[in-house]
Amino acid sequence: MSAEQMINPDVPPSGPGCVECLESPSGWWLHLRRCAACGHVGCCDSSPSQHASHHVRDVGHTIIQSYEPGEEWFYDYTTEQFTQGPELAPPTSHPADQPVPAPADRIPADWQEMLH
């Protein structure tokens, strides 16, 4: 599939945080990535669980966009390159008042040692 076929600009994001981390009582993330095909929001590769990359491997949707405020870049896991893409359906990032890392009530004291 071409990059254009892996992007659906009309699908909204799955929510304000990593889907899988929010389902786990101890899940937390550093930064968020949004699947450009289906809107799945997962945690970045620096986060302990790396759910965005798992989504790519499990589902085959290979293009993501940063889900951080002020960041608009796309990345293609197939080419391992940054790429271009259209404006996606809003919201284009997690809430601006959401802390990094998040969720605030789940961040362990030694969180920096847990990053990849």
N, C-alpha and C. Protein backbone atom coordinates (compact mmCIF):
# COMPACT_ATOMS: atom_id res chain seq x y z
N MET A 1 0.83 -1.19 0.00
CA MET A 1 0.00 0.00 0.00
C MET A 1 0.87 1.25 0.00
N SER A 2 0.42 2.26 -0.70
CA SER A 2 1.15 3.53 -0.71
C SER A 2 0.86 4.30 0.57
N ALA A 3 1.68 5.31 0.83
CA ALA A 3 1.48 6.15 2.01
C ALA A 3 0.09 6.77 2.01
N GLU A 4 -0.37 7.19 0.84
CA GLU A 4 -1.69 7.80 0.75
C GLU A 4 -2.80 6.83 1.15
N GLN A 5 -2.62 5.55 0.86
CA GLN A 5 -3.62 4.55 1.20
C GLN A 5 -3.60 4.22 2.69
N MET A 6 -2.52 4.54 3.38
CA MET A 6 -2.39 4.25 4.80
C MET A 6 -2.84 5.42 5.67
N ILE A 7 -3.38 6.45 5.05
CA ILE A 7 -3.82 7.63 5.81
C ILE A 7 -5.30 7.87 5.54
N ASN A 8 -6.07 7.98 6.61
CA ASN A 8 -7.48 8.33 6.51
C ASN A 8 -7.66 9.63 7.29
N PRO A 9 -7.71 10.77 6.60
CA PRO A 9 -7.78 12.05 7.30
C PRO A 9 -9.10 12.30 8.02
N ASP A 10 -10.10 11.46 7.77
CA ASP A 10 -11.42 11.69 8.36
C ASP A 10 -11.64 10.99 9.70
N VAL A 11 -10.81 10.01 10.04
CA VAL A 11 -11.03 9.24 11.27
C VAL A 11 -10.46 10.00 12.47
N PRO A 12 -11.27 10.15 13.53
CA PRO A 12 -10.78 10.87 14.71
C PRO A 12 -9.85 9.98 15.54
N PRO A 13 -9.07 10.59 16.42
CA PRO A 13 -8.21 9.80 17.30
C PRO A 13 -9.05 9.00 18.30
N SER A 14 -8.47 7.93 18.80
CA SER A 14 -9.19 7.04 19.72
C SER A 14 -9.41 7.64 21.09
N GLY A 15 -8.71 8.70 21.43
CA GLY A 15 -8.90 9.34 22.74
C GLY A 15 -7.73 10.21 23.11
N PRO A 16 -7.68 10.68 24.36
CA PRO A 16 -6.64 11.62 24.78
C PRO A 16 -5.32 10.97 25.21
N GLY A 17 -5.30 9.64 25.27
CA GLY A 17 -4.10 8.95 25.73
C GLY A 17 -3.95 7.59 25.09
N CYS A 18 -2.89 6.89 25.45
CA CYS A 18 -2.62 5.56 24.90
C CYS A 18 -3.74 4.61 25.31
N VAL A 19 -4.37 4.01 24.32
CA VAL A 19 -5.50 3.11 24.55
C VAL A 19 -5.15 2.01 25.53
N GLU A 20 -4.05 1.31 25.26
CA GLU A 20 -3.68 0.16 26.07
C GLU A 20 -3.21 0.57 27.47
N CYS A 21 -2.46 1.66 27.56
CA CYS A 21 -2.02 2.12 28.88
C CYS A 21 -3.20 2.53 29.75
N LEU A 22 -4.19 3.18 29.15
CA LEU A 22 -5.37 3.58 29.92
C LEU A 22 -6.17 2.38 30.40
N GLU A 23 -6.09 1.27 29.68
CA GLU A 23 -6.80 0.05 30.09
C GLU A 23 -6.09 -0.67 31.24
N SER A 24 -4.83 -0.35 31.47
CA SER A 24 -4.04 -0.98 32.52
C SER A 24 -3.96 -0.07 33.73
N PRO A 25 -4.18 -0.58 34.94
CA PRO A 25 -4.11 0.29 36.12
C PRO A 25 -2.74 0.90 36.37
N SER A 26 -1.70 0.33 35.80
CA SER A 26 -0.36 0.87 36.02
C SER A 26 0.27 1.43 34.74
N GLY A 27 -0.48 1.50 33.65
CA GLY A 27 0.06 1.97 32.38
C GLY A 27 0.30 3.47 32.36
N TRP A 28 1.40 3.87 31.74
CA TRP A 28 1.73 5.29 31.57
C TRP A 28 2.60 5.45 30.34
N TRP A 29 2.71 6.68 29.85
CA TRP A 29 3.46 6.94 28.63
C TRP A 29 4.27 8.23 28.74
N LEU A 30 5.24 8.33 27.85
CA LEU A 30 6.04 9.56 27.74
C LEU A 30 5.42 10.45 26.68
N HIS A 31 5.37 9.98 25.42
CA HIS A 31 4.78 10.74 24.32
C HIS A 31 3.79 9.84 23.59
N LEU A 32 2.91 10.48 22.82
CA LEU A 32 1.85 9.74 22.13
C LEU A 32 2.00 9.83 20.62
N ARG A 33 1.57 8.77 19.96
CA ARG A 33 1.57 8.67 18.50
C ARG A 33 0.17 8.23 18.06
N ARG A 34 -0.27 8.78 16.94
CA ARG A 34 -1.61 8.50 16.41
C ARG A 34 -1.49 7.76 15.09
N CYS A 35 -2.19 6.64 14.96
CA CYS A 35 -2.21 5.91 13.70
C CYS A 35 -2.97 6.74 12.67
N ALA A 36 -2.32 6.97 11.53
CA ALA A 36 -2.94 7.79 10.48
C ALA A 36 -4.02 7.05 9.72
N ALA A 37 -4.09 5.74 9.89
CA ALA A 37 -5.11 4.96 9.19
C ALA A 37 -6.40 4.80 9.99
N CYS A 38 -6.26 4.52 11.30
CA CYS A 38 -7.47 4.20 12.09
C CYS A 38 -7.66 5.08 13.31
N GLY A 39 -6.70 5.95 13.62
CA GLY A 39 -6.84 6.85 14.76
C GLY A 39 -6.37 6.29 16.09
N HIS A 40 -5.91 5.04 16.13
CA HIS A 40 -5.42 4.45 17.38
C HIS A 40 -4.34 5.33 17.99
N VAL A 41 -4.48 5.68 19.25
CA VAL A 41 -3.46 6.45 19.95
C VAL A 41 -2.68 5.48 20.83
N GLY A 42 -1.36 5.45 20.61
CA GLY A 42 -0.48 4.58 21.38
C GLY A 42 0.72 5.35 21.88
N CYS A 43 1.42 4.75 22.83
CA CYS A 43 2.60 5.40 23.40
C CYS A 43 3.83 5.18 22.51
N CYS A 44 4.75 6.12 22.58
CA CYS A 44 5.94 6.14 21.73
C CYS A 44 6.94 5.04 22.10
N ASP A 45 7.97 4.91 21.27
CA ASP A 45 8.99 3.89 21.49
C ASP A 45 9.88 4.18 22.69
N SER A 46 9.88 5.38 23.22
CA SER A 46 10.61 5.66 24.45
C SER A 46 9.83 5.25 25.68
N SER A 47 8.52 5.11 25.54
CA SER A 47 7.66 4.70 26.64
C SER A 47 7.90 3.23 26.99
N PRO A 48 7.62 2.84 28.23
CA PRO A 48 7.88 1.46 28.63
C PRO A 48 7.18 0.40 27.76
N SER A 49 5.95 0.64 27.34
CA SER A 49 5.19 -0.40 26.64
C SER A 49 5.21 -0.30 25.12
N GLN A 50 5.58 0.82 24.56
CA GLN A 50 5.73 1.00 23.11
C GLN A 50 4.51 0.53 22.31
N HIS A 51 3.32 0.93 22.75
CA HIS A 51 2.08 0.45 22.12
C HIS A 51 1.89 0.92 20.68
N ALA A 52 2.40 2.08 20.30
CA ALA A 52 2.25 2.53 18.91
C ALA A 52 2.96 1.56 17.97
N SER A 53 4.18 1.17 18.30
CA SER A 53 4.91 0.20 17.47
C SER A 53 4.24 -1.16 17.45
N HIS A 54 3.68 -1.57 18.59
CA HIS A 54 2.96 -2.85 18.63
C HIS A 54 1.75 -2.80 17.70
N HIS A 55 1.07 -1.66 17.66
CA HIS A 55 -0.08 -1.50 16.77
C HIS A 55 0.36 -1.67 15.31
N VAL A 56 1.48 -1.07 14.97
CA VAL A 56 2.00 -1.19 13.60
C VAL A 56 2.22 -2.66 13.26
N ARG A 57 2.90 -3.38 14.14
CA ARG A 57 3.19 -4.80 13.89
C ARG A 57 1.93 -5.67 13.89
N ASP A 58 1.01 -5.39 14.81
CA ASP A 58 -0.18 -6.23 14.96
C ASP A 58 -1.22 -6.00 13.87
N VAL A 59 -1.37 -4.75 13.43
CA VAL A 59 -2.46 -4.39 12.51
C VAL A 59 -1.95 -4.09 11.10
N GLY A 60 -0.70 -3.67 11.01
CA GLY A 60 -0.14 -3.38 9.69
C GLY A 60 -0.33 -1.95 9.22
N HIS A 61 -0.83 -1.08 10.08
CA HIS A 61 -0.95 0.33 9.74
C HIS A 61 0.41 0.97 10.03
N THR A 62 1.12 1.38 9.00
CA THR A 62 2.53 1.73 9.16
C THR A 62 2.83 3.23 9.27
N ILE A 63 1.84 4.08 9.14
CA ILE A 63 2.10 5.52 9.21
C ILE A 63 1.46 6.10 10.46
N ILE A 64 2.27 6.82 11.21
CA ILE A 64 1.77 7.47 12.43
C ILE A 64 2.05 8.95 12.34
N GLN A 65 1.33 9.70 13.19
CA GLN A 65 1.61 11.12 13.35
C GLN A 65 1.82 11.38 14.83
N SER A 66 2.69 12.31 15.14
CA SER A 66 2.85 12.70 16.53
C SER A 66 1.50 13.18 17.05
N TYR A 67 1.21 12.84 18.31
CA TYR A 67 -0.02 13.29 18.95
C TYR A 67 0.33 14.22 20.12
N GLU A 68 1.41 14.97 19.92
CA GLU A 68 1.89 15.93 20.90
C GLU A 68 1.53 17.35 20.43
N PRO A 69 1.15 18.23 21.36
CA PRO A 69 0.82 19.60 20.98
C PRO A 69 1.97 20.27 20.24
N GLY A 70 1.65 20.92 19.13
CA GLY A 70 2.64 21.65 18.35
C GLY A 70 3.47 20.80 17.40
N GLU A 71 3.26 19.50 17.37
CA GLU A 71 4.02 18.62 16.48
C GLU A 71 3.08 18.09 15.39
N GLU A 72 3.50 18.20 14.13
CA GLU A 72 2.65 17.77 13.02
C GLU A 72 3.30 16.70 12.16
N TRP A 73 4.47 16.18 12.55
CA TRP A 73 5.20 15.26 11.70
C TRP A 73 4.53 13.88 11.61
N PHE A 74 4.76 13.26 10.46
CA PHE A 74 4.33 11.88 10.19
C PHE A 74 5.59 11.02 10.10
N TYR A 75 5.44 9.73 10.39
CA TYR A 75 6.55 8.79 10.27
C TYR A 75 6.02 7.50 9.65
N ASP A 76 6.80 6.96 8.71
CA ASP A 76 6.43 5.72 8.02
C ASP A 76 7.34 4.61 8.52
N TYR A 77 6.79 3.64 9.23
CA TYR A 77 7.57 2.53 9.76
C TYR A 77 8.13 1.64 8.65
N THR A 78 7.50 1.61 7.48
CA THR A 78 7.99 0.80 6.38
C THR A 78 9.32 1.33 5.84
N THR A 79 9.38 2.63 5.62
CA THR A 79 10.59 3.25 5.07
C THR A 79 11.55 3.73 6.16
N GLU A 80 11.05 3.77 7.40
CA GLU A 80 11.80 4.30 8.54
C GLU A 80 12.23 5.74 8.28
N GLN A 81 11.31 6.50 7.68
CA GLN A 81 11.56 7.90 7.33
C GLN A 81 10.38 8.76 7.75
N PHE A 82 10.67 10.01 8.03
CA PHE A 82 9.58 10.97 8.22
C PHE A 82 8.95 11.18 6.86
N THR A 83 7.66 11.46 6.84
CA THR A 83 6.94 11.60 5.58
C THR A 83 5.93 12.73 5.70
N GLN A 84 5.24 12.98 4.63
CA GLN A 84 4.22 14.03 4.59
C GLN A 84 2.84 13.40 4.73
N GLY A 85 1.89 14.20 5.16
CA GLY A 85 0.52 13.74 5.25
C GLY A 85 -0.42 14.92 5.36
N PRO A 86 -1.70 14.66 5.16
CA PRO A 86 -2.70 15.73 5.25
C PRO A 86 -3.04 16.04 6.70
N GLU A 87 -3.76 17.11 6.90
CA GLU A 87 -4.27 17.41 8.23
C GLU A 87 -5.28 16.33 8.61
N LEU A 88 -5.12 15.77 9.80
CA LEU A 88 -6.02 14.72 10.26
C LEU A 88 -7.18 15.33 11.05
N ALA A 89 -8.24 14.54 11.21
CA ALA A 89 -9.42 15.00 11.95
C ALA A 89 -9.02 15.41 13.37
N PRO A 90 -9.66 16.43 13.89
CA PRO A 90 -9.34 16.89 15.24
C PRO A 90 -9.84 15.91 16.31
N PRO A 91 -9.25 16.00 17.49
CA PRO A 91 -8.14 16.85 17.84
C PRO A 91 -6.82 16.28 17.29
N THR A 92 -5.86 17.17 17.10
CA THR A 92 -4.59 16.76 16.51
C THR A 92 -3.52 16.47 17.57
N SER A 93 -3.88 16.58 18.84
CA SER A 93 -2.96 16.25 19.92
C SER A 93 -3.74 15.94 21.18
N HIS A 94 -3.03 15.40 22.16
CA HIS A 94 -3.66 15.22 23.46
C HIS A 94 -3.93 16.60 24.05
N PRO A 95 -4.76 16.70 25.09
CA PRO A 95 -5.03 18.02 25.68
C PRO A 95 -3.74 18.72 26.11
N ALA A 96 -3.65 20.00 25.84
CA ALA A 96 -2.45 20.77 26.14
C ALA A 96 -2.11 20.76 27.62
N ASP A 97 -3.11 20.61 28.49
CA ASP A 97 -2.84 20.61 29.92
C ASP A 97 -2.49 19.22 30.46
N GLN A 98 -2.45 18.22 29.59
CA GLN A 98 -2.06 16.87 30.02
C GLN A 98 -0.55 16.85 30.25
N PRO A 99 -0.11 16.37 31.41
CA PRO A 99 1.34 16.39 31.68
C PRO A 99 2.10 15.37 30.84
N VAL A 100 3.40 15.54 30.78
CA VAL A 100 4.30 14.60 30.12
C VAL A 100 5.37 14.25 31.14
N PRO A 101 5.48 12.99 31.52
CA PRO A 101 4.67 11.85 31.13
C PRO A 101 3.28 11.89 31.77
N ALA A 102 2.44 10.94 31.36
CA ALA A 102 1.06 10.89 31.82
C ALA A 102 0.60 9.44 31.92
N PRO A 103 -0.52 9.21 32.53
CA PRO A 103 -1.30 10.07 33.43
C PRO A 103 -0.53 10.35 34.72
N ALA A 104 -0.70 11.54 35.24
CA ALA A 104 0.08 12.03 36.37
C ALA A 104 0.02 11.11 37.58
N ASP A 105 -1.14 10.52 37.83
CA ASP A 105 -1.30 9.69 39.03
C ASP A 105 -0.68 8.29 38.90
N ARG A 106 -0.09 7.97 37.75
CA ARG A 106 0.49 6.64 37.55
C ARG A 106 2.01 6.66 37.35
N ILE A 107 2.61 7.82 37.36
CA ILE A 107 4.03 7.92 37.04
C ILE A 107 4.86 7.48 38.24
N PRO A 108 5.67 6.44 38.06
CA PRO A 108 6.52 5.98 39.17
C PRO A 108 7.66 6.98 39.43
N ALA A 109 8.17 6.97 40.64
CA ALA A 109 9.24 7.89 41.02
C ALA A 109 10.48 7.71 40.14
N ASP A 110 10.74 6.50 39.70
CA ASP A 110 11.92 6.21 38.89
C ASP A 110 11.60 6.13 37.39
N TRP A 111 10.62 6.89 36.94
CA TRP A 111 10.13 6.79 35.57
C TRP A 111 11.22 6.99 34.52
N GLN A 112 12.16 7.88 34.77
CA GLN A 112 13.21 8.15 33.78
C GLN A 112 14.08 6.92 33.54
N GLU A 113 14.24 6.08 34.52
CA GLU A 113 15.03 4.86 34.38
C GLU A 113 14.30 3.79 33.57
N MET A 114 13.00 3.97 33.35
CA MET A 114 12.18 2.98 32.64
C MET A 114 12.04 3.29 31.17
N LEU A 115 12.57 4.42 30.73
CA LEU A 115 12.44 4.80 29.32
C LEU A 115 13.39 4.00 28.44
N HIS A 116 12.99 3.82 27.20
CA HIS A 116 13.83 3.10 26.23
C HIS A 116 14.67 4.08 25.45
